[in-house]
N, C-alpha and C. Protein backbone atom coordinates (compact mmCIF):
# COMPACT_ATOMS: atom_id res chain seq x y z
N MET A 1 -4.60 27.37 -19.59
CA MET A 1 -3.66 27.73 -18.64
C MET A 1 -3.89 29.42 -18.32
N THR A 2 -4.36 29.90 -17.31
CA THR A 2 -3.75 31.76 -16.90
C THR A 2 -2.37 31.66 -16.58
N GLU A 3 -2.25 33.26 -16.15
CA GLU A 3 -0.78 33.52 -15.81
C GLU A 3 -0.35 33.24 -14.73
N ASN A 4 -1.48 32.75 -13.55
CA ASN A 4 -1.00 32.49 -13.01
C ASN A 4 -1.09 30.67 -12.29
N SER A 5 -1.12 30.45 -13.36
CA SER A 5 -1.41 28.92 -13.23
C SER A 5 -0.06 28.11 -14.48
N ALA A 6 0.44 26.80 -13.98
CA ALA A 6 1.28 26.64 -14.69
C ALA A 6 1.25 24.84 -14.81
N ASP A 7 1.27 24.14 -15.36
CA ASP A 7 1.19 22.70 -15.66
C ASP A 7 2.18 21.81 -15.77
N TYR A 8 2.52 20.59 -14.71
CA TYR A 8 3.36 19.47 -15.10
C TYR A 8 2.97 18.33 -14.99
N GLU A 9 3.62 17.49 -16.00
CA GLU A 9 3.79 15.89 -16.01
C GLU A 9 4.90 15.59 -15.56
N PHE A 10 4.61 14.02 -14.77
CA PHE A 10 5.61 13.39 -14.65
C PHE A 10 5.22 11.88 -14.66
N SER A 11 6.19 11.40 -15.33
CA SER A 11 6.19 9.59 -15.32
C SER A 11 6.89 9.20 -14.15
N LEU A 12 6.10 8.37 -13.02
CA LEU A 12 6.88 7.85 -12.15
C LEU A 12 7.15 6.14 -12.62
N THR A 13 8.59 5.76 -12.12
CA THR A 13 8.68 4.49 -12.74
C THR A 13 9.59 3.62 -11.59
N ASN A 14 9.89 2.84 -11.95
CA ASN A 14 10.34 1.96 -10.36
C ASN A 14 11.75 2.77 -9.62
N GLN A 15 12.46 3.33 -10.98
CA GLN A 15 13.62 4.29 -10.42
C GLN A 15 12.80 5.56 -9.33
N PHE A 16 11.95 6.05 -9.40
CA PHE A 16 11.04 6.56 -8.69
C PHE A 16 11.23 6.04 -7.24
N PHE A 17 10.58 5.26 -7.10
CA PHE A 17 10.81 4.48 -5.59
C PHE A 17 11.85 4.39 -5.27
N THR A 18 12.57 3.85 -6.22
CA THR A 18 14.15 3.36 -5.44
C THR A 18 14.92 4.64 -4.87
N ASP A 19 14.85 5.83 -5.77
CA ASP A 19 15.59 6.79 -5.63
C ASP A 19 14.57 7.38 -4.42
N ILE A 20 14.01 7.29 -3.76
CA ILE A 20 13.12 7.88 -2.64
C ILE A 20 13.18 7.25 -1.48
N ASP A 21 13.52 5.88 -1.76
CA ASP A 21 13.56 5.19 -0.64
C ASP A 21 12.27 4.90 0.03
N ALA A 22 11.60 4.41 -0.75
CA ALA A 22 10.08 3.72 -0.19
C ALA A 22 9.76 2.64 0.34
N PRO A 23 9.30 3.15 1.84
CA PRO A 23 9.29 1.69 2.16
C PRO A 23 8.05 1.10 2.08
N GLU A 24 7.01 1.37 1.54
CA GLU A 24 6.10 0.44 1.30
C GLU A 24 5.99 -0.17 -0.08
N ILE A 25 6.66 0.65 -0.92
CA ILE A 25 5.97 0.60 -2.64
C ILE A 25 7.64 0.49 -3.20
N GLN A 26 7.83 -0.58 -3.99
CA GLN A 26 9.11 -0.70 -4.62
C GLN A 26 9.10 -0.65 -5.92
N LYS A 27 7.71 -0.89 -6.63
CA LYS A 27 7.97 -0.52 -8.00
C LYS A 27 6.46 0.14 -8.23
N GLY A 28 6.45 0.82 -9.53
CA GLY A 28 5.18 0.98 -10.37
C GLY A 28 5.42 1.80 -11.28
N LYS A 29 4.10 2.04 -11.97
CA LYS A 29 4.27 3.10 -13.84
C LYS A 29 3.17 3.92 -13.20
N LEU A 30 3.15 5.38 -13.14
CA LEU A 30 2.19 6.18 -13.00
C LEU A 30 2.65 7.42 -13.86
N GLN A 31 1.47 8.11 -13.99
CA GLN A 31 1.53 9.61 -14.81
C GLN A 31 1.15 9.93 -13.92
N VAL A 32 1.45 11.75 -13.56
CA VAL A 32 1.33 12.47 -12.61
C VAL A 32 0.81 14.20 -13.31
N GLN A 33 -0.26 14.49 -13.13
CA GLN A 33 -0.23 15.81 -13.82
C GLN A 33 -0.67 17.12 -12.60
N LEU A 34 0.54 17.54 -12.47
CA LEU A 34 0.45 18.53 -11.44
C LEU A 34 0.07 20.31 -11.92
N ASN A 35 -0.89 20.71 -11.16
CA ASN A 35 -0.91 21.70 -11.78
C ASN A 35 -1.21 22.94 -10.45
N VAL A 36 -0.34 24.02 -10.98
CA VAL A 36 0.30 24.83 -9.64
C VAL A 36 -0.56 26.25 -10.03
N LYS A 37 -1.28 26.72 -9.10
CA LYS A 37 -2.02 27.99 -9.46
C LYS A 37 -1.64 28.77 -8.24
N LYS A 38 -1.42 30.16 -8.46
CA LYS A 38 -1.22 31.13 -7.44
C LYS A 38 -2.25 31.96 -7.32
N THR A 39 -2.63 31.94 -5.86
CA THR A 39 -3.56 33.11 -5.77
C THR A 39 -3.41 33.54 -4.39
N MET A 40 -3.30 34.66 -3.77
CA MET A 40 -2.86 35.58 -2.91
C MET A 40 -2.01 35.23 -2.13
N GLY A 41 -0.91 34.81 -2.71
CA GLY A 41 -0.01 34.54 -2.04
C GLY A 41 0.22 33.24 -1.88
N VAL A 42 -0.75 32.16 -2.09
CA VAL A 42 -0.81 30.60 -1.24
C VAL A 42 -0.62 29.99 -2.87
N TYR A 43 0.20 29.18 -2.89
CA TYR A 43 0.13 28.54 -4.06
C TYR A 43 -0.71 26.78 -4.15
N VAL A 44 -1.95 26.77 -4.95
CA VAL A 44 -2.48 25.59 -4.84
C VAL A 44 -2.04 24.85 -5.55
N LEU A 45 -1.54 23.48 -5.33
CA LEU A 45 -0.71 22.30 -5.88
C LEU A 45 -1.96 21.42 -6.04
N THR A 46 -2.61 21.21 -7.43
CA THR A 46 -3.24 20.35 -7.67
C THR A 46 -2.74 18.68 -8.37
N PHE A 47 -2.91 17.63 -7.30
CA PHE A 47 -2.22 16.61 -8.34
C PHE A 47 -3.05 15.52 -8.64
N HIS A 48 -3.35 14.91 -9.95
CA HIS A 48 -3.92 13.60 -10.54
C HIS A 48 -2.88 12.44 -10.75
N ILE A 49 -2.82 11.62 -10.18
CA ILE A 49 -2.16 10.61 -10.30
C ILE A 49 -3.00 9.11 -10.92
N GLU A 50 -2.45 8.71 -12.02
CA GLU A 50 -3.14 7.71 -12.20
C GLU A 50 -1.95 6.44 -12.79
N GLY A 51 -2.38 5.22 -12.62
CA GLY A 51 -1.33 3.97 -13.22
C GLY A 51 -1.68 2.75 -12.46
N SER A 52 -0.32 2.04 -11.86
CA SER A 52 -0.67 1.36 -10.72
C SER A 52 0.92 1.36 -10.60
N VAL A 53 0.86 0.03 -8.88
CA VAL A 53 2.13 -0.31 -8.12
C VAL A 53 2.00 -1.35 -7.88
N ILE A 54 3.34 -2.06 -7.53
CA ILE A 54 3.76 -3.44 -7.19
C ILE A 54 3.67 -3.10 -5.75
N VAL A 55 3.29 -4.14 -5.49
CA VAL A 55 3.20 -4.09 -3.67
C VAL A 55 3.31 -5.71 -3.48
N PRO A 56 3.84 -6.34 -2.21
CA PRO A 56 3.84 -7.36 -1.58
C PRO A 56 2.73 -7.76 -1.22
N CYS A 57 1.88 -9.15 -1.85
CA CYS A 57 0.98 -9.45 -1.09
C CYS A 57 0.91 -10.12 0.62
N ASP A 58 -0.17 -9.40 1.23
CA ASP A 58 0.20 -9.63 2.76
C ASP A 58 -0.23 -11.16 3.30
N ARG A 59 -0.82 -11.71 2.25
CA ARG A 59 -0.72 -13.27 2.59
C ARG A 59 -0.21 -14.19 2.13
N CYS A 60 0.79 -14.04 0.79
CA CYS A 60 1.26 -14.86 0.65
C CYS A 60 3.05 -14.39 -0.09
N LEU A 61 2.86 -13.23 0.22
CA LEU A 61 4.11 -12.26 0.06
C LEU A 61 5.00 -12.45 -1.61
N ASP A 62 3.85 -13.05 -2.18
CA ASP A 62 4.19 -12.46 -4.03
C ASP A 62 3.79 -11.31 -4.33
N ASP A 63 4.73 -10.62 -5.17
CA ASP A 63 4.08 -9.39 -5.85
C ASP A 63 2.74 -9.48 -6.24
N MET A 64 2.18 -8.43 -6.39
CA MET A 64 0.71 -8.33 -6.96
C MET A 64 0.78 -6.65 -7.12
N GLU A 65 -0.11 -6.52 -8.23
CA GLU A 65 -0.14 -5.06 -8.95
C GLU A 65 -1.39 -4.40 -8.33
N LEU A 66 -1.40 -2.82 -7.90
CA LEU A 66 -2.67 -2.59 -7.31
C LEU A 66 -3.13 -1.18 -8.10
N PRO A 67 -4.18 -1.01 -9.01
CA PRO A 67 -4.23 0.19 -9.61
C PRO A 67 -4.08 1.64 -8.65
N VAL A 68 -3.90 2.47 -9.03
CA VAL A 68 -4.06 3.90 -8.35
C VAL A 68 -4.43 5.01 -9.42
N VAL A 69 -5.54 5.66 -8.77
CA VAL A 69 -6.19 6.99 -9.13
C VAL A 69 -6.52 7.67 -8.08
N THR A 70 -6.09 8.59 -8.09
CA THR A 70 -6.20 9.67 -6.67
C THR A 70 -5.89 11.44 -7.22
N ASP A 71 -7.07 11.90 -6.64
CA ASP A 71 -6.76 13.56 -6.67
C ASP A 71 -6.44 14.08 -5.30
N ASP A 72 -5.35 14.70 -4.99
CA ASP A 72 -5.17 15.44 -3.98
C ASP A 72 -4.40 17.15 -4.32
N THR A 73 -4.59 17.80 -3.27
CA THR A 73 -4.19 18.91 -3.27
C THR A 73 -3.62 19.74 -1.97
N LEU A 74 -2.65 20.20 -2.51
CA LEU A 74 -1.51 21.04 -1.54
C LEU A 74 -1.60 22.21 -1.32
N LYS A 75 -1.13 22.77 -0.14
CA LYS A 75 -1.33 24.51 -0.05
C LYS A 75 0.60 24.83 0.21
N VAL A 76 0.77 25.48 -0.68
CA VAL A 76 2.12 26.15 -0.09
C VAL A 76 2.42 27.78 -0.26
N LYS A 77 3.10 28.17 0.91
CA LYS A 77 3.14 29.57 0.96
C LYS A 77 4.67 30.06 1.26
N LEU A 78 4.89 30.97 1.17
CA LEU A 78 6.50 31.29 1.37
C LEU A 78 6.45 32.15 2.96
N GLY A 79 7.50 31.43 3.62
CA GLY A 79 7.46 31.89 5.29
C GLY A 79 8.94 31.99 5.65
N ALA A 80 9.02 31.97 7.24
CA ALA A 80 10.70 32.50 7.44
C ALA A 80 11.47 30.59 7.76
N THR A 81 10.41 29.98 8.23
CA THR A 81 10.97 28.32 8.03
C THR A 81 10.13 27.39 7.56
N PHE A 82 10.43 26.46 7.77
CA PHE A 82 9.78 25.37 6.98
C PHE A 82 8.99 24.67 8.20
N SER A 83 7.82 24.81 7.16
CA SER A 83 6.70 23.90 8.46
C SER A 83 5.24 22.94 7.28
N ASP A 84 5.20 21.96 8.31
CA ASP A 84 3.99 20.98 7.22
C ASP A 84 3.39 20.76 8.32
N GLU A 85 2.18 21.47 8.65
CA GLU A 85 0.92 21.73 9.09
C GLU A 85 -0.20 21.37 8.64
N ASP A 86 -0.96 20.30 8.49
CA ASP A 86 -2.42 19.79 8.00
C ASP A 86 -2.03 19.86 6.42
N ASP A 87 -2.62 20.51 5.58
CA ASP A 87 -2.79 20.97 4.39
C ASP A 87 -1.72 22.08 4.19
N MET A 88 -1.12 22.44 4.52
CA MET A 88 -0.47 23.83 4.57
C MET A 88 1.15 23.46 4.59
N VAL A 89 1.70 23.91 3.58
CA VAL A 89 3.15 23.49 3.77
C VAL A 89 4.23 25.47 3.52
N ILE A 90 4.90 25.39 4.64
CA ILE A 90 5.60 26.71 4.56
C ILE A 90 6.51 26.17 3.93
N VAL A 91 7.14 27.20 3.26
CA VAL A 91 8.75 26.76 2.19
C VAL A 91 9.45 28.15 2.88
N PRO A 92 10.79 28.17 3.33
CA PRO A 92 11.53 29.18 3.58
C PRO A 92 11.64 29.97 2.64
N GLU A 93 11.45 31.49 2.69
CA GLU A 93 11.30 32.60 1.46
C GLU A 93 12.76 32.47 0.78
N GLU A 94 13.81 31.95 1.55
CA GLU A 94 15.25 32.12 0.74
C GLU A 94 15.39 31.06 -0.28
N ASP A 95 14.85 29.71 0.10
CA ASP A 95 14.76 28.56 -0.23
C ASP A 95 13.96 28.73 -1.80
N GLY A 96 12.79 29.44 -1.68
CA GLY A 96 11.76 29.60 -2.74
C GLY A 96 11.45 28.21 -3.59
N TYR A 97 11.59 26.96 -3.19
CA TYR A 97 11.18 26.07 -4.02
C TYR A 97 10.66 24.85 -2.84
N ILE A 98 10.02 23.74 -3.85
CA ILE A 98 9.71 22.93 -2.90
C ILE A 98 9.75 21.47 -4.06
N ASN A 99 10.24 20.53 -3.09
CA ASN A 99 10.49 18.84 -3.68
C ASN A 99 9.01 18.49 -3.61
N VAL A 100 8.48 17.98 -4.46
CA VAL A 100 7.08 17.34 -4.57
C VAL A 100 6.77 16.16 -4.46
N ALA A 101 8.61 15.21 -4.37
CA ALA A 101 8.54 13.99 -4.94
C ALA A 101 7.93 13.20 -3.51
N TRP A 102 8.30 13.70 -2.69
CA TRP A 102 7.61 12.62 -1.35
C TRP A 102 6.18 13.24 -1.43
N PHE A 103 5.62 14.22 -1.59
CA PHE A 103 4.19 14.43 -1.15
C PHE A 103 3.39 13.41 -2.19
N MET A 104 4.43 13.31 -3.52
CA MET A 104 3.45 12.42 -4.69
C MET A 104 3.51 10.79 -4.09
N TYR A 105 4.50 10.97 -3.55
CA TYR A 105 4.76 9.06 -2.93
C TYR A 105 3.87 9.03 -1.53
N GLU A 106 3.54 9.90 -0.66
CA GLU A 106 2.44 9.94 0.38
C GLU A 106 0.95 9.82 -0.53
N PHE A 107 1.12 10.72 -1.53
CA PHE A 107 -0.30 10.49 -1.62
C PHE A 107 -0.82 9.17 -2.50
N ILE A 108 0.10 8.53 -3.15
CA ILE A 108 -0.02 7.44 -3.71
C ILE A 108 -0.32 6.49 -3.12
N ALA A 109 0.94 6.14 -1.85
CA ALA A 109 0.98 5.38 -0.50
C ALA A 109 -0.68 5.41 -0.16
N LEU A 110 -0.81 6.85 0.25
CA LEU A 110 -2.45 6.48 0.87
C LEU A 110 -3.65 6.17 0.35
N SER A 111 -3.62 5.92 -1.15
CA SER A 111 -4.47 6.11 -1.93
C SER A 111 -4.63 4.40 -1.89
N LEU A 112 -3.80 3.49 -1.27
CA LEU A 112 -3.98 2.06 -1.63
C LEU A 112 -4.86 1.67 -0.52
N PRO A 113 -5.41 0.55 -0.36
CA PRO A 113 -6.13 -0.36 0.60
C PRO A 113 -5.16 -0.46 1.61
N MET A 114 -6.03 -0.48 2.82
CA MET A 114 -4.95 -1.02 4.24
C MET A 114 -4.36 -2.44 4.01
N LYS A 115 -5.15 -3.34 3.28
CA LYS A 115 -4.66 -4.77 3.02
C LYS A 115 -4.57 -4.79 1.56
N HIS A 116 -3.09 -5.71 1.67
CA HIS A 116 -2.82 -5.87 0.36
C HIS A 116 -2.97 -7.38 0.03
N VAL A 117 -4.00 -8.01 -0.72
CA VAL A 117 -4.37 -9.27 -0.59
C VAL A 117 -4.62 -9.62 -2.14
N HIS A 118 -4.30 -10.62 -2.89
CA HIS A 118 -4.85 -11.45 -4.21
C HIS A 118 -6.39 -11.44 -3.62
N ALA A 119 -6.77 -11.57 -5.17
CA ALA A 119 -8.16 -11.84 -5.07
C ALA A 119 -8.29 -13.39 -5.24
N PRO A 120 -9.36 -13.73 -4.17
CA PRO A 120 -9.76 -15.35 -3.94
C PRO A 120 -9.19 -16.27 -5.16
N GLY A 121 -8.13 -17.31 -4.62
CA GLY A 121 -7.21 -18.49 -5.35
C GLY A 121 -6.29 -17.59 -6.51
N GLN A 122 -6.02 -16.53 -6.12
CA GLN A 122 -4.85 -16.27 -7.13
C GLN A 122 -3.55 -16.03 -6.03
N CYS A 123 -3.78 -16.28 -4.79
CA CYS A 123 -2.35 -16.35 -3.57
C CYS A 123 -1.49 -17.55 -4.25
N ASN A 124 -0.32 -17.48 -4.29
CA ASN A 124 0.64 -18.49 -4.09
C ASN A 124 0.37 -19.53 -3.50
N LYS A 125 -0.18 -20.79 -4.31
CA LYS A 125 -0.40 -22.05 -3.43
C LYS A 125 0.43 -22.70 -2.73
N SER A 126 1.66 -22.94 -2.92
CA SER A 126 2.54 -23.73 -1.95
C SER A 126 2.63 -22.86 -1.30
N MET A 127 2.42 -21.43 -0.84
CA MET A 127 2.97 -20.44 0.39
C MET A 127 1.73 -20.71 1.18
N MET A 128 0.52 -20.69 0.71
CA MET A 128 -0.85 -21.00 1.01
C MET A 128 -0.91 -22.29 1.80
N GLY A 129 -0.20 -23.31 0.90
CA GLY A 129 -0.52 -24.44 1.95
C GLY A 129 0.85 -24.59 3.12
N ALA A 130 1.87 -23.73 3.16
CA ALA A 130 2.68 -23.82 4.24
C ALA A 130 2.07 -23.40 5.38
N LEU A 131 1.69 -22.24 5.04
CA LEU A 131 0.67 -21.15 6.02
C LEU A 131 -0.24 -22.40 6.70
N ASN A 132 -1.37 -22.60 5.62
CA ASN A 132 -2.41 -23.73 6.38
C ASN A 132 -2.04 -24.44 7.57
N LYS A 133 -0.96 -25.27 7.17
CA LYS A 133 0.15 -26.28 8.34
C LYS A 133 -0.02 -25.33 9.63
N HIS A 134 0.37 -24.12 9.47
CA HIS A 134 0.55 -23.37 10.48
C HIS A 134 -0.13 -22.82 11.45
N LEU A 135 -1.25 -22.17 10.74
CA LEU A 135 -2.87 -21.59 11.36
C LEU A 135 -3.40 -22.38 11.57
N ARG A 136 -3.63 -24.02 11.06
CA ARG A 136 -4.48 -24.74 11.52
C ARG A 136 -4.19 -25.02 12.75
N THR A 137 -5.55 -24.70 13.86
CA THR A 137 -5.34 -25.27 15.14
C THR A 137 -6.31 -26.51 15.74
N SER A 138 -7.52 -26.92 14.90
CA SER A 138 -7.83 -28.03 15.34
C SER A 138 -8.20 -28.98 14.25
N VAL A 139 -9.04 -29.91 13.85
CA VAL A 139 -9.33 -31.03 13.09
C VAL A 139 -10.47 -30.49 12.39
N GLU A 140 -11.32 -29.52 13.08
CA GLU A 140 -12.27 -28.75 12.85
C GLU A 140 -12.35 -27.98 11.77
N GLU A 141 -11.13 -26.93 11.88
CA GLU A 141 -10.46 -26.12 11.11
C GLU A 141 -10.17 -26.59 9.59
N GLU A 142 -9.67 -27.97 9.65
CA GLU A 142 -9.27 -28.41 8.37
C GLU A 142 -10.29 -28.07 6.97
N GLY A 143 -11.21 -28.43 7.23
CA GLY A 143 -12.52 -27.88 5.93
C GLY A 143 -12.32 -26.39 5.74
N GLU A 144 -12.60 -25.42 6.40
CA GLU A 144 -12.45 -24.16 6.25
C GLU A 144 -10.97 -23.81 5.75
N MET A 145 -9.76 -24.39 5.64
CA MET A 145 -8.36 -23.84 5.00
C MET A 145 -8.21 -24.74 3.44
N ASP A 146 -9.10 -25.92 3.61
CA ASP A 146 -8.55 -26.92 2.55
C ASP A 146 -8.66 -25.99 0.87
N ASP A 147 -9.26 -24.62 0.54
CA ASP A 147 -9.59 -24.13 -0.53
C ASP A 147 -7.60 -23.60 -0.52
N PHE A 148 -6.73 -23.62 0.37
CA PHE A 148 -5.45 -23.17 0.35
C PHE A 148 -4.47 -24.20 0.00
N LEU A 149 -4.98 -25.53 -0.10
CA LEU A 149 -4.11 -26.19 0.05
C LEU A 149 -3.45 -27.18 -1.32
N LEU A 150 -2.41 -27.14 -1.57
CA LEU A 150 -2.28 -27.89 -2.48
C LEU A 150 -2.86 -28.90 -3.17
N GLU A 151 -3.21 -29.22 -4.75
CA GLU A 151 -3.85 -30.18 -5.00
C GLU A 151 -3.28 -31.88 -4.33
N GLU A 152 -2.18 -31.88 -4.37
CA GLU A 152 -1.05 -32.80 -3.78
C GLU A 152 -1.47 -33.03 -2.53
N GLU A 153 -1.35 -32.02 -1.78
CA GLU A 153 -1.73 -32.03 -0.16
C GLU A 153 -2.74 -32.44 -0.10
N MET A 154 -3.76 -32.19 -0.72
CA MET A 154 -5.20 -32.51 -0.70
C MET A 154 -5.38 -33.68 -0.87
N ASP A 155 -4.60 -34.76 -1.76
CA ASP A 155 -5.02 -35.80 -1.64
C ASP A 155 -4.41 -36.76 -0.60
N GLU A 156 -3.42 -36.13 -0.34
CA GLU A 156 -2.94 -37.01 0.95
C GLU A 156 -3.71 -37.15 2.45
N GLU A 157 -3.57 -38.28 2.82
CA GLU A 157 -4.94 -38.32 4.25
C GLU A 157 -4.49 -37.57 5.27
N LEU A 158 -4.88 -36.72 5.71
CA LEU A 158 -4.49 -36.01 7.17
C LEU A 158 -5.00 -36.76 8.63
N PRO A 159 -4.17 -36.62 9.34
CA PRO A 159 -4.64 -37.69 10.63
C PRO A 159 -5.79 -37.38 11.34
N GLU A 160 -6.79 -38.07 11.74
CA GLU A 160 -7.83 -37.99 12.27
C GLU A 160 -7.76 -37.09 13.30
N SER A 161 -6.91 -37.58 14.39
CA SER A 161 -7.02 -36.59 15.79
C SER A 161 -5.07 -36.60 15.90
N ARG A 162 -5.25 -35.33 16.39
CA ARG A 162 -4.09 -34.78 16.70
C ARG A 162 -3.92 -34.14 18.28
N GLU A 163 -3.10 -34.29 18.77
CA GLU A 163 -2.90 -34.22 20.05
C GLU A 163 -2.40 -32.62 19.69
N ILE A 164 -3.16 -31.27 20.66
CA ILE A 164 -2.96 -29.84 20.70
C ILE A 164 -2.80 -29.61 22.14
N ASP A 165 -1.56 -29.10 22.19
CA ASP A 165 -0.71 -28.82 23.33
C ASP A 165 -2.25 -27.84 24.06
N PRO A 166 -2.92 -27.77 25.15
CA PRO A 166 -3.70 -27.11 25.57
C PRO A 166 -3.72 -25.52 25.97
N ARG A 167 -2.23 -25.01 26.14
CA ARG A 167 -2.24 -23.99 25.90
C ARG A 167 -2.73 -23.14 24.54
N TRP A 168 -2.63 -23.65 23.37
CA TRP A 168 -3.05 -23.52 22.03
C TRP A 168 -4.61 -23.10 22.43
N ASN A 169 -5.29 -24.17 23.41
CA ASN A 169 -6.87 -23.86 23.10
C ASN A 169 -7.18 -22.89 23.88
N GLU A 170 -6.62 -22.36 25.28
CA GLU A 170 -6.42 -21.20 25.69
C GLU A 170 -6.68 -20.16 25.26
N LEU A 171 -5.37 -19.82 24.32
CA LEU A 171 -5.32 -18.52 23.18
C LEU A 171 -6.17 -18.83 22.13
N LYS A 172 -6.73 -19.74 21.66
CA LYS A 172 -8.05 -19.57 20.63
C LYS A 172 -9.48 -19.38 21.28
N LYS A 173 -9.31 -19.23 22.55
CA LYS A 173 -10.50 -18.68 23.17
C LYS A 173 -10.29 -17.23 22.79
N ILE A 174 -9.01 -16.28 23.11
CA ILE A 174 -9.23 -15.10 22.91
C ILE A 174 -9.49 -14.64 21.52
N LEU A 175 -9.22 -15.35 20.34
CA LEU A 175 -9.84 -15.13 18.75
C LEU A 175 -11.07 -15.44 18.70
N ASP A 176 -11.73 -16.59 19.64
CA ASP A 176 -13.26 -16.24 19.40
C ASP A 176 -13.88 -15.55 19.88
N ASN A 177 -13.35 -14.81 21.19
CA ASN A 177 -14.28 -13.37 21.44
C ASN A 177 -14.06 -12.32 20.69
N ASN A 178 -13.08 -12.34 19.59
CA ASN A 178 -12.85 -11.06 18.55
C ASN A 178 -14.06 -11.45 17.50
């Protein structure tokens, strides 16, 4: 550590996500190493964040754990009024400080994949069975969705033919074009 540099460590727990009123992430346990280095009137904040967060599965809505490892940089300088443009944040000189909590949350959220889904076979079986009943649009699709059915449901005989409203078939053409 040089005279123009300082290191900080933070432990982020469920309380952090509650306090920040996080929209996407409600729980987690992470370690943050923050290095602040001053060079020519600009403070360079380097974050190393590692741990895991709990988010709902997009498919079955059960909680799932996602690992987080991210390295991010934020540049801060003092100015007349607050401004947050690209990778430079300007903090009013009269304040003289910056709260990095929201930036840490954003770095964590941006490191997560867009789609939050369990590994194949790990989703809540009863939820997937219920979804399967609503997603199936034809008898031909039954085979494609059987892996989501509960074992009890697979033992039941499904009707061989069902009346499908012709409007659904027209909408299905849209799906087939994608």
